[in-house]
Amino acid sequence: NSGDWVESLTALEYTEGQWNLYRHAEKKAPVVEEEDETLQLEWSAV
């Protein structure tokens, strides 16, 4: 099961004859204007 990109942030990868589960680590980044706008949109959605 490949999971999702809402919470798990996962994918399935096949290479060299084997399946592996990839997990994307959320990296901390400085808050930029786009992120502020997204947060405002999320508050509006709530």
All heavy atoms as atom14 arrays in JSON, in Angstrom:
{
  "sequence": "NSGDWVESLTALEYTEGQWNLYRHAEKKAPVVEEEDETLQLEWSAV",
  "atom14_mask": [
    [1, 1, 1, 1, 1, 1, 1, 1, 0, 0, 0, 0, 0, 0],
    [1, 1, 1, 1, 1, 1, 0, 0, 0, 0, 0, 0, 0, 0],
    [1, 1, 1, 1, 0, 0, 0, 0, 0, 0, 0, 0, 0, 0],
    [1, 1, 1, 1, 1, 1, 1, 1, 0, 0, 0, 0, 0, 0],
    [1, 1, 1, 1, 1, 1, 1, 1, 1, 1, 1, 1, 1, 1],
    [1, 1, 1, 1, 1, 1, 1, 0, 0, 0, 0, 0, 0, 0],
    [1, 1, 1, 1, 1, 1, 1, 1, 1, 0, 0, 0, 0, 0],
    [1, 1, 1, 1, 1, 1, 0, 0, 0, 0, 0, 0, 0, 0],
    [1, 1, 1, 1, 1, 1, 1, 1, 0, 0, 0, 0, 0, 0],
    [1, 1, 1, 1, 1, 1, 1, 0, 0, 0, 0, 0, 0, 0],
    [1, 1, 1, 1, 1, 0, 0, 0, 0, 0, 0, 0, 0, 0],
    [1, 1, 1, 1, 1, 1, 1, 1, 0, 0, 0, 0, 0, 0],
    [1, 1, 1, 1, 1, 1, 1, 1, 1, 0, 0, 0, 0, 0],
    [1, 1, 1, 1, 1, 1, 1, 1, 1, 1, 1, 1, 0, 0],
    [1, 1, 1, 1, 1, 1, 1, 0, 0, 0, 0, 0, 0, 0],
    [1, 1, 1, 1, 1, 1, 1, 1, 1, 0, 0, 0, 0, 0],
    [1, 1, 1, 1, 0, 0, 0, 0, 0, 0, 0, 0, 0, 0],
    [1, 1, 1, 1, 1, 1, 1, 1, 1, 0, 0, 0, 0, 0],
    [1, 1, 1, 1, 1, 1, 1, 1, 1, 1, 1, 1, 1, 1],
    [1, 1, 1, 1, 1, 1, 1, 1, 0, 0, 0, 0, 0, 0],
    [1, 1, 1, 1, 1, 1, 1, 1, 0, 0, 0, 0, 0, 0],
    [1, 1, 1, 1, 1, 1, 1, 1, 1, 1, 1, 1, 0, 0],
    [1, 1, 1, 1, 1, 1, 1, 1, 1, 1, 1, 0, 0, 0],
    [1, 1, 1, 1, 1, 1, 1, 1, 1, 1, 0, 0, 0, 0],
    [1, 1, 1, 1, 1, 0, 0, 0, 0, 0, 0, 0, 0, 0],
    [1, 1, 1, 1, 1, 1, 1, 1, 1, 0, 0, 0, 0, 0],
    [1, 1, 1, 1, 1, 1, 1, 1, 1, 0, 0, 0, 0, 0],
    [1, 1, 1, 1, 1, 1, 1, 1, 1, 0, 0, 0, 0, 0],
    [1, 1, 1, 1, 1, 0, 0, 0, 0, 0, 0, 0, 0, 0],
    [1, 1, 1, 1, 1, 1, 1, 0, 0, 0, 0, 0, 0, 0],
    [1, 1, 1, 1, 1, 1, 1, 0, 0, 0, 0, 0, 0, 0],
    [1, 1, 1, 1, 1, 1, 1, 0, 0, 0, 0, 0, 0, 0],
    [1, 1, 1, 1, 1, 1, 1, 1, 1, 0, 0, 0, 0, 0],
    [1, 1, 1, 1, 1, 1, 1, 1, 1, 0, 0, 0, 0, 0],
    [1, 1, 1, 1, 1, 1, 1, 1, 1, 0, 0, 0, 0, 0],
    [1, 1, 1, 1, 1, 1, 1, 1, 0, 0, 0, 0, 0, 0],
    [1, 1, 1, 1, 1, 1, 1, 1, 1, 0, 0, 0, 0, 0],
    [1, 1, 1, 1, 1, 1, 1, 0, 0, 0, 0, 0, 0, 0],
    [1, 1, 1, 1, 1, 1, 1, 1, 0, 0, 0, 0, 0, 0],
    [1, 1, 1, 1, 1, 1, 1, 1, 1, 0, 0, 0, 0, 0],
    [1, 1, 1, 1, 1, 1, 1, 1, 0, 0, 0, 0, 0, 0],
    [1, 1, 1, 1, 1, 1, 1, 1, 1, 0, 0, 0, 0, 0],
    [1, 1, 1, 1, 1, 1, 1, 1, 1, 1, 1, 1, 1, 1],
    [1, 1, 1, 1, 1, 1, 0, 0, 0, 0, 0, 0, 0, 0],
    [1, 1, 1, 1, 1, 0, 0, 0, 0, 0, 0, 0, 0, 0],
    [1, 1, 1, 1, 1, 1, 1, 0, 0, 0, 0, 0, 0, 0]
  ],
  "atom14_positions": [
    [[0.86, -1.18, 0.0], [0.0, 0.0, 0.0], [0.9, 1.23, 0.0], [1.8, 1.35, 0.83], [-0.94, 0.02, 1.2], [-2.09, 1.0, 1.01], [-1.86, 2.2, 0.93], [-3.31, 0.49, 0.94], [0.0, 0.0, 0.0], [0.0, 0.0, 0.0], [0.0, 0.0, 0.0], [0.0, 0.0, 0.0], [0.0, 0.0, 0.0], [0.0, 0.0, 0.0]],
    [[0.63, 2.13, -0.94], [1.52, 3.28, -1.14], [1.27, 4.43, -0.18], [1.98, 5.44, -0.22], [1.41, 3.78, -2.59], [0.06, 3.85, -2.99], [0.0, 0.0, 0.0], [0.0, 0.0, 0.0], [0.0, 0.0, 0.0], [0.0, 0.0, 0.0], [0.0, 0.0, 0.0], [0.0, 0.0, 0.0], [0.0, 0.0, 0.0], [0.0, 0.0, 0.0]],
    [[0.25, 4.31, 0.69], [0.0, 5.35, 1.68], [-0.65, 6.57, 1.08], [-1.59, 6.47, 0.28], [0.0, 0.0, 0.0], [0.0, 0.0, 0.0], [0.0, 0.0, 0.0], [0.0, 0.0, 0.0], [0.0, 0.0, 0.0], [0.0, 0.0, 0.0], [0.0, 0.0, 0.0], [0.0, 0.0, 0.0], [0.0, 0.0, 0.0], [0.0, 0.0, 0.0]],
    [[-0.13, 7.77, 1.38], [-0.77, 9.0, 0.91], [0.2, 10.17, 1.02], [1.28, 10.05, 1.59], [-2.03, 9.29, 1.73], [-1.7, 9.6, 3.18], [-1.47, 8.67, 3.99], [-1.65, 10.8, 3.53], [0.0, 0.0, 0.0], [0.0, 0.0, 0.0], [0.0, 0.0, 0.0], [0.0, 0.0, 0.0], [0.0, 0.0, 0.0], [0.0, 0.0, 0.0]],
    [[-0.27, 11.33, 0.48], [0.5, 12.57, 0.58], [-0.31, 13.64, 1.3], [-0.21, 14.83, 1.01], [0.99, 13.03, -0.79], [2.12, 12.16, -1.25], [2.03, 10.95, -1.87], [3.51, 12.4, -1.05], [3.28, 10.43, -2.08], [4.21, 11.3, -1.6], [4.25, 13.45, -0.49], [5.6, 11.22, -1.57], [5.63, 13.36, -0.47], [6.3, 12.25, -1.01]],
    [[-1.12, 13.17, 2.25], [-1.85, 14.06, 3.15], [-1.23, 13.99, 4.54], [-0.98, 14.99, 5.19], [-3.34, 13.69, 3.2], [-4.1, 14.58, 4.18], [-3.98, 13.78, 1.82], [0.0, 0.0, 0.0], [0.0, 0.0, 0.0], [0.0, 0.0, 0.0], [0.0, 0.0, 0.0], [0.0, 0.0, 0.0], [0.0, 0.0, 0.0], [0.0, 0.0, 0.0]],
    [[-0.91, 12.76, 4.97], [-0.28, 12.57, 6.28], [1.02, 11.78, 6.2], [2.04, 12.22, 6.7], [-1.25, 11.83, 7.21], [-2.47, 12.62, 7.6], [-3.31, 11.84, 8.57], [-4.11, 11.01, 8.11], [-3.16, 12.04, 9.78], [0.0, 0.0, 0.0], [0.0, 0.0, 0.0], [0.0, 0.0, 0.0], [0.0, 0.0, 0.0], [0.0, 0.0, 0.0]],
    [[0.97, 10.6, 5.59], [2.12, 9.69, 5.62], [3.29, 10.19, 4.78], [4.45, 9.96, 5.13], [1.71, 8.3, 5.14], [0.62, 7.8, 5.89], [0.0, 0.0, 0.0], [0.0, 0.0, 0.0], [0.0, 0.0, 0.0], [0.0, 0.0, 0.0], [0.0, 0.0, 0.0], [0.0, 0.0, 0.0], [0.0, 0.0, 0.0], [0.0, 0.0, 0.0]],
    [[2.99, 10.84, 3.63], [4.02, 11.31, 2.7], [4.92, 10.15, 2.27], [6.13, 10.14, 2.48], [4.86, 12.44, 3.31], [4.25, 13.85, 3.31], [2.97, 13.92, 4.1], [5.24, 14.88, 3.79], [0.0, 0.0, 0.0], [0.0, 0.0, 0.0], [0.0, 0.0, 0.0], [0.0, 0.0, 0.0], [0.0, 0.0, 0.0], [0.0, 0.0, 0.0]],
    [[4.3, 9.14, 1.65], [5.0, 7.91, 1.31], [4.8, 7.54, -0.16], [3.85, 7.95, -0.81], [4.5, 6.73, 2.17], [3.07, 6.67, 2.1], [4.92, 6.9, 3.62], [0.0, 0.0, 0.0], [0.0, 0.0, 0.0], [0.0, 0.0, 0.0], [0.0, 0.0, 0.0], [0.0, 0.0, 0.0], [0.0, 0.0, 0.0], [0.0, 0.0, 0.0]],
    [[5.72, 6.72, -0.65], [5.63, 6.17, -2.0], [6.26, 4.79, -1.99], [7.02, 4.44, -1.07], [6.36, 7.07, -2.99], [0.0, 0.0, 0.0], [0.0, 0.0, 0.0], [0.0, 0.0, 0.0], [0.0, 0.0, 0.0], [0.0, 0.0, 0.0], [0.0, 0.0, 0.0], [0.0, 0.0, 0.0], [0.0, 0.0, 0.0], [0.0, 0.0, 0.0]],
    [[5.92, 4.0, -2.99], [6.55, 2.7, -3.16], [7.55, 2.78, -4.3], [7.26, 3.37, -5.35], [5.49, 1.63, -3.48], [4.56, 1.26, -2.32], [3.34, 0.51, -2.84], [5.3, 0.39, -1.3], [0.0, 0.0, 0.0], [0.0, 0.0, 0.0], [0.0, 0.0, 0.0], [0.0, 0.0, 0.0], [0.0, 0.0, 0.0], [0.0, 0.0, 0.0]],
    [[8.73, 2.2, -4.09], [9.78, 2.22, -5.1], [10.25, 0.8, -5.39], [10.48, 0.02, -4.46], [10.96, 3.05, -4.61], [10.62, 4.51, -4.31], [11.8, 5.32, -3.8], [12.83, 4.69, -3.39], [11.73, 6.55, -3.82], [0.0, 0.0, 0.0], [0.0, 0.0, 0.0], [0.0, 0.0, 0.0], [0.0, 0.0, 0.0], [0.0, 0.0, 0.0]],
    [[10.4, 0.5, -6.68], [10.91, -0.81, -7.07], [12.22, -0.62, -7.83], [12.27, 0.07, -8.85], [9.9, -1.54, -7.96], [10.32, -2.96, -8.31], [10.09, -4.01, -7.42], [10.94, -3.24, -9.52], [10.47, -5.3, -7.73], [11.32, -4.54, -9.85], [11.08, -5.57, -8.94], [11.47, -6.85, -9.25], [0.0, 0.0, 0.0], [0.0, 0.0, 0.0]],
    [[13.26, -1.23, -7.31], [14.57, -1.17, -7.95], [15.4, -2.37, -7.52], [15.25, -2.88, -6.4], [15.3, 0.15, -7.59], [16.51, 0.23, -8.34], [15.62, 0.24, -6.12], [0.0, 0.0, 0.0], [0.0, 0.0, 0.0], [0.0, 0.0, 0.0], [0.0, 0.0, 0.0], [0.0, 0.0, 0.0], [0.0, 0.0, 0.0], [0.0, 0.0, 0.0]],
    [[16.22, -2.86, -8.43], [17.1, -4.01, -8.19], [16.31, -5.19, -7.64], [16.75, -5.89, -6.71], [18.22, -3.61, -7.23], [19.15, -2.54, -7.81], [20.29, -2.18, -6.88], [20.29, -2.67, -5.72], [21.17, -1.4, -7.28], [0.0, 0.0, 0.0], [0.0, 0.0, 0.0], [0.0, 0.0, 0.0], [0.0, 0.0, 0.0], [0.0, 0.0, 0.0]],
    [[15.11, -5.4, -8.2], [14.31, -6.58, -7.86], [13.63, -6.55, -6.51], [13.19, -7.58, -6.01], [0.0, 0.0, 0.0], [0.0, 0.0, 0.0], [0.0, 0.0, 0.0], [0.0, 0.0, 0.0], [0.0, 0.0, 0.0], [0.0, 0.0, 0.0], [0.0, 0.0, 0.0], [0.0, 0.0, 0.0], [0.0, 0.0, 0.0], [0.0, 0.0, 0.0]],
    [[13.5, -5.37, -5.92], [12.94, -5.29, -4.57], [12.05, -4.06, -4.4], [12.35, -2.97, -4.91], [14.07, -5.24, -3.53], [13.59, -5.29, -2.09], [14.75, -5.39, -1.12], [15.89, -5.65, -1.51], [14.47, -5.2, 0.15], [0.0, 0.0, 0.0], [0.0, 0.0, 0.0], [0.0, 0.0, 0.0], [0.0, 0.0, 0.0], [0.0, 0.0, 0.0]],
    [[10.93, -4.24, -3.67], [10.05, -3.13, -3.33], [10.51, -2.51, -2.01], [10.83, -3.21, -1.05], [8.61, -3.6, -3.18], [7.91, -3.81, -4.48], [7.65, -4.99, -5.11], [7.37, -2.78, -5.32], [6.99, -4.77, -6.3], [6.8, -3.42, -6.45], [7.31, -1.39, -5.23], [6.19, -2.71, -7.48], [6.7, -0.68, -6.25], [6.15, -1.34, -7.37]],
    [[10.52, -1.18, -1.97], [10.86, -0.44, -0.75], [9.84, 0.65, -0.52], [9.26, 1.2, -1.47], [12.26, 0.18, -0.86], [13.34, -0.86, -0.96], [13.61, -1.59, -0.01], [13.96, -0.95, -2.13], [0.0, 0.0, 0.0], [0.0, 0.0, 0.0], [0.0, 0.0, 0.0], [0.0, 0.0, 0.0], [0.0, 0.0, 0.0], [0.0, 0.0, 0.0]],
    [[9.62, 0.97, 0.75], [8.69, 2.04, 1.11], [9.48, 3.31, 1.38], [10.35, 3.33, 2.25], [7.89, 1.63, 2.36], [6.72, 2.54, 2.76], [5.66, 2.59, 1.68], [6.12, 2.03, 4.07], [0.0, 0.0, 0.0], [0.0, 0.0, 0.0], [0.0, 0.0, 0.0], [0.0, 0.0, 0.0], [0.0, 0.0, 0.0], [0.0, 0.0, 0.0]],
    [[9.2, 4.34, 0.62], [9.86, 5.63, 0.79], [9.03, 6.53, 1.69], [7.8, 6.65, 1.52], [10.06, 6.31, -0.57], [10.52, 7.75, -0.47], [11.88, 8.06, -0.38], [9.61, 8.8, -0.46], [12.32, 9.37, -0.29], [10.04, 10.12, -0.36], [11.39, 10.4, -0.28], [11.81, 11.7, -0.17], [0.0, 0.0, 0.0], [0.0, 0.0, 0.0]],
    [[9.66, 7.15, 2.67], [8.99, 8.11, 3.55], [9.69, 9.46, 3.42], [10.89, 9.57, 3.65], [9.02, 7.64, 5.02], [8.19, 6.38, 5.27], [8.2, 6.0, 6.74], [7.47, 4.77, 6.98], [6.16, 4.71, 7.2], [5.46, 5.83, 7.22], [5.56, 3.55, 7.41], [0.0, 0.0, 0.0], [0.0, 0.0, 0.0], [0.0, 0.0, 0.0]],
    [[8.92, 10.46, 3.08], [9.48, 11.79, 2.88], [9.48, 12.55, 4.2], [8.43, 12.74, 4.81], [8.66, 12.56, 1.84], [9.29, 13.86, 1.43], [10.23, 13.95, 0.44], [9.1, 15.12, 1.89], [10.59, 15.2, 0.28], [9.93, 15.94, 1.15], [0.0, 0.0, 0.0], [0.0, 0.0, 0.0], [0.0, 0.0, 0.0], [0.0, 0.0, 0.0]],
    [[10.64, 12.95, 4.63], [10.75, 13.68, 5.9], [10.38, 15.13, 5.66], [10.9, 15.77, 4.74], [12.17, 13.58, 6.45], [0.0, 0.0, 0.0], [0.0, 0.0, 0.0], [0.0, 0.0, 0.0], [0.0, 0.0, 0.0], [0.0, 0.0, 0.0], [0.0, 0.0, 0.0], [0.0, 0.0, 0.0], [0.0, 0.0, 0.0], [0.0, 0.0, 0.0]],
    [[9.47, 15.65, 6.49], [9.13, 17.06, 6.4], [10.3, 17.88, 6.93], [10.75, 17.69, 8.05], [7.88, 17.36, 7.24], [6.61, 16.86, 6.63], [5.4, 17.39, 7.38], [5.13, 18.59, 7.31], [4.77, 16.58, 8.08], [0.0, 0.0, 0.0], [0.0, 0.0, 0.0], [0.0, 0.0, 0.0], [0.0, 0.0, 0.0], [0.0, 0.0, 0.0]],
    [[10.78, 18.78, 6.11], [11.91, 19.63, 6.52], [11.39, 20.98, 6.97], [10.52, 21.58, 6.35], [12.88, 19.8, 5.34], [13.52, 18.49, 4.91], [14.44, 18.72, 3.72], [15.06, 17.41, 3.27], [15.92, 17.6, 2.09], [0.0, 0.0, 0.0], [0.0, 0.0, 0.0], [0.0, 0.0, 0.0], [0.0, 0.0, 0.0], [0.0, 0.0, 0.0]],
    [[11.96, 21.44, 8.07], [11.58, 22.77, 8.55], [12.13, 23.81, 7.58], [13.28, 23.76, 7.18], [12.13, 23.01, 9.96], [11.47, 22.16, 11.02], [11.98, 22.52, 12.39], [11.31, 21.67, 13.47], [11.79, 22.01, 14.82], [0.0, 0.0, 0.0], [0.0, 0.0, 0.0], [0.0, 0.0, 0.0], [0.0, 0.0, 0.0], [0.0, 0.0, 0.0]],
    [[11.28, 24.75, 7.24], [11.69, 25.82, 6.31], [11.21, 27.14, 6.85], [10.23, 27.2, 7.59], [11.08, 25.56, 4.93], [0.0, 0.0, 0.0], [0.0, 0.0, 0.0], [0.0, 0.0, 0.0], [0.0, 0.0, 0.0], [0.0, 0.0, 0.0], [0.0, 0.0, 0.0], [0.0, 0.0, 0.0], [0.0, 0.0, 0.0], [0.0, 0.0, 0.0]],
    [[11.91, 28.22, 6.51], [11.44, 29.53, 6.98], [10.06, 29.83, 6.41], [9.75, 29.46, 5.28], [12.49, 30.5, 6.4], [13.13, 29.75, 5.28], [13.1, 28.31, 5.67], [0.0, 0.0, 0.0], [0.0, 0.0, 0.0], [0.0, 0.0, 0.0], [0.0, 0.0, 0.0], [0.0, 0.0, 0.0], [0.0, 0.0, 0.0], [0.0, 0.0, 0.0]],
    [[9.24, 30.49, 7.22], [7.89, 30.82, 6.79], [7.97, 31.88, 5.7], [8.56, 32.94, 5.89], [7.05, 31.35, 7.97], [5.66, 31.76, 7.48], [6.93, 30.28, 9.04], [0.0, 0.0, 0.0], [0.0, 0.0, 0.0], [0.0, 0.0, 0.0], [0.0, 0.0, 0.0], [0.0, 0.0, 0.0], [0.0, 0.0, 0.0], [0.0, 0.0, 0.0]],
    [[7.39, 31.58, 4.55], [7.4, 32.52, 3.44], [5.98, 32.98, 3.19], [5.03, 32.47, 3.77], [7.99, 31.86, 2.16], [9.44, 31.52, 2.36], [7.18, 30.63, 1.77], [0.0, 0.0, 0.0], [0.0, 0.0, 0.0], [0.0, 0.0, 0.0], [0.0, 0.0, 0.0], [0.0, 0.0, 0.0], [0.0, 0.0, 0.0], [0.0, 0.0, 0.0]],
    [[5.87, 33.94, 2.28], [4.56, 34.55, 2.04], [3.54, 33.52, 1.6], [2.39, 33.55, 2.02], [4.72, 35.62, 0.95], [3.57, 36.6, 0.9], [3.88, 37.76, -0.02], [4.93, 38.41, 0.18], [3.09, 38.0, -0.93], [0.0, 0.0, 0.0], [0.0, 0.0, 0.0], [0.0, 0.0, 0.0], [0.0, 0.0, 0.0], [0.0, 0.0, 0.0]],
    [[3.95, 32.57, 0.77], [3.01, 31.56, 0.27], [2.46, 30.73, 1.41], [1.29, 30.38, 1.45], [3.71, 30.65, -0.75], [2.77, 29.61, -1.36], [3.49, 28.67, -2.3], [4.63, 28.98, -2.7], [2.91, 27.63, -2.61], [0.0, 0.0, 0.0], [0.0, 0.0, 0.0], [0.0, 0.0, 0.0], [0.0, 0.0, 0.0], [0.0, 0.0, 0.0]],
    [[3.31, 30.38, 2.4], [2.86, 29.58, 3.53], [1.88, 30.37, 4.39], [0.91, 29.84, 4.9], [4.06, 29.1, 4.35], [4.9, 28.06, 3.61], [6.1, 27.63, 4.43], [6.39, 28.29, 5.44], [6.74, 26.65, 4.05], [0.0, 0.0, 0.0], [0.0, 0.0, 0.0], [0.0, 0.0, 0.0], [0.0, 0.0, 0.0], [0.0, 0.0, 0.0]],
    [[2.15, 31.67, 4.59], [1.23, 32.5, 5.35], [-0.13, 32.54, 4.68], [-1.17, 32.46, 5.32], [1.78, 33.93, 5.45], [2.96, 34.02, 6.43], [3.05, 33.12, 7.28], [3.76, 34.96, 6.32], [0.0, 0.0, 0.0], [0.0, 0.0, 0.0], [0.0, 0.0, 0.0], [0.0, 0.0, 0.0], [0.0, 0.0, 0.0], [0.0, 0.0, 0.0]],
    [[-0.11, 32.66, 3.34], [-1.36, 32.7, 2.59], [-2.11, 31.38, 2.73], [-3.33, 31.36, 2.88], [-1.05, 32.98, 1.11], [-2.29, 33.12, 0.25], [-1.94, 33.35, -1.22], [-0.76, 33.62, -1.5], [-2.84, 33.26, -2.03], [0.0, 0.0, 0.0], [0.0, 0.0, 0.0], [0.0, 0.0, 0.0], [0.0, 0.0, 0.0], [0.0, 0.0, 0.0]],
    [[-1.36, 30.26, 2.7], [-1.99, 28.95, 2.84], [-2.64, 28.81, 4.21], [-3.75, 28.29, 4.33], [-0.94, 27.83, 2.66], [-0.39, 27.94, 1.36], [-1.58, 26.46, 2.81], [0.0, 0.0, 0.0], [0.0, 0.0, 0.0], [0.0, 0.0, 0.0], [0.0, 0.0, 0.0], [0.0, 0.0, 0.0], [0.0, 0.0, 0.0], [0.0, 0.0, 0.0]],
    [[-1.96, 29.29, 5.26], [-2.53, 29.22, 6.59], [-3.81, 30.04, 6.69], [-4.79, 29.62, 7.3], [-1.51, 29.7, 7.63], [-0.39, 28.71, 7.97], [0.68, 29.41, 8.79], [-0.93, 27.5, 8.71], [0.0, 0.0, 0.0], [0.0, 0.0, 0.0], [0.0, 0.0, 0.0], [0.0, 0.0, 0.0], [0.0, 0.0, 0.0], [0.0, 0.0, 0.0]],
    [[-3.81, 31.21, 6.06], [-5.01, 32.03, 6.06], [-6.15, 31.32, 5.34], [-7.3, 31.34, 5.78], [-4.72, 33.38, 5.37], [-3.81, 34.29, 6.19], [-3.35, 35.49, 5.39], [-3.86, 35.75, 4.31], [-2.38, 36.21, 5.92], [0.0, 0.0, 0.0], [0.0, 0.0, 0.0], [0.0, 0.0, 0.0], [0.0, 0.0, 0.0], [0.0, 0.0, 0.0]],
    [[-5.84, 30.66, 4.22], [-6.85, 29.91, 3.49], [-7.38, 28.76, 4.32], [-8.56, 28.43, 4.28], [-6.26, 29.38, 2.17], [-6.06, 30.42, 1.06], [-5.17, 29.85, -0.03], [-7.4, 30.84, 0.48], [0.0, 0.0, 0.0], [0.0, 0.0, 0.0], [0.0, 0.0, 0.0], [0.0, 0.0, 0.0], [0.0, 0.0, 0.0], [0.0, 0.0, 0.0]],
    [[-6.47, 28.11, 5.09], [-6.9, 27.0, 5.93], [-7.83, 27.47, 7.04], [-8.83, 26.82, 7.36], [-5.67, 26.28, 6.51], [-4.93, 25.47, 5.44], [-3.65, 24.85, 5.95], [-3.24, 25.19, 7.08], [-3.08, 24.02, 5.24], [0.0, 0.0, 0.0], [0.0, 0.0, 0.0], [0.0, 0.0, 0.0], [0.0, 0.0, 0.0], [0.0, 0.0, 0.0]],
    [[-7.52, 28.63, 7.66], [-8.42, 29.18, 8.67], [-9.78, 29.48, 8.05], [-10.83, 29.24, 8.65], [-7.83, 30.47, 9.26], [-6.82, 30.25, 10.34], [-5.5, 30.62, 10.32], [-7.02, 29.6, 11.59], [-4.88, 30.23, 11.47], [-5.78, 29.6, 12.28], [-8.13, 28.99, 12.2], [-5.62, 29.04, 13.54], [-7.97, 28.43, 13.47], [-6.72, 28.46, 14.11]],
    [[-9.8, 30.01, 6.81], [-11.05, 30.3, 6.12], [-11.82, 29.01, 5.86], [-13.04, 28.97, 5.98], [-10.77, 31.0, 4.78], [-10.11, 32.22, 4.99], [0.0, 0.0, 0.0], [0.0, 0.0, 0.0], [0.0, 0.0, 0.0], [0.0, 0.0, 0.0], [0.0, 0.0, 0.0], [0.0, 0.0, 0.0], [0.0, 0.0, 0.0], [0.0, 0.0, 0.0]],
    [[-11.09, 27.94, 5.51], [-11.74, 26.66, 5.25], [-12.38, 26.1, 6.51], [-13.47, 25.53, 6.48], [-10.71, 25.65, 4.7], [0.0, 0.0, 0.0], [0.0, 0.0, 0.0], [0.0, 0.0, 0.0], [0.0, 0.0, 0.0], [0.0, 0.0, 0.0], [0.0, 0.0, 0.0], [0.0, 0.0, 0.0], [0.0, 0.0, 0.0], [0.0, 0.0, 0.0]],
    [[-11.69, 26.26, 7.65], [-12.26, 25.82, 8.93], [-13.55, 26.57, 9.21], [-14.57, 25.98, 9.58], [-11.25, 26.05, 10.08], [-11.93, 25.79, 11.42], [-10.05, 25.13, 9.92], [0.0, 0.0, 0.0], [0.0, 0.0, 0.0], [0.0, 0.0, 0.0], [0.0, 0.0, 0.0], [0.0, 0.0, 0.0], [0.0, 0.0, 0.0], [0.0, 0.0, 0.0]]
  ]
}
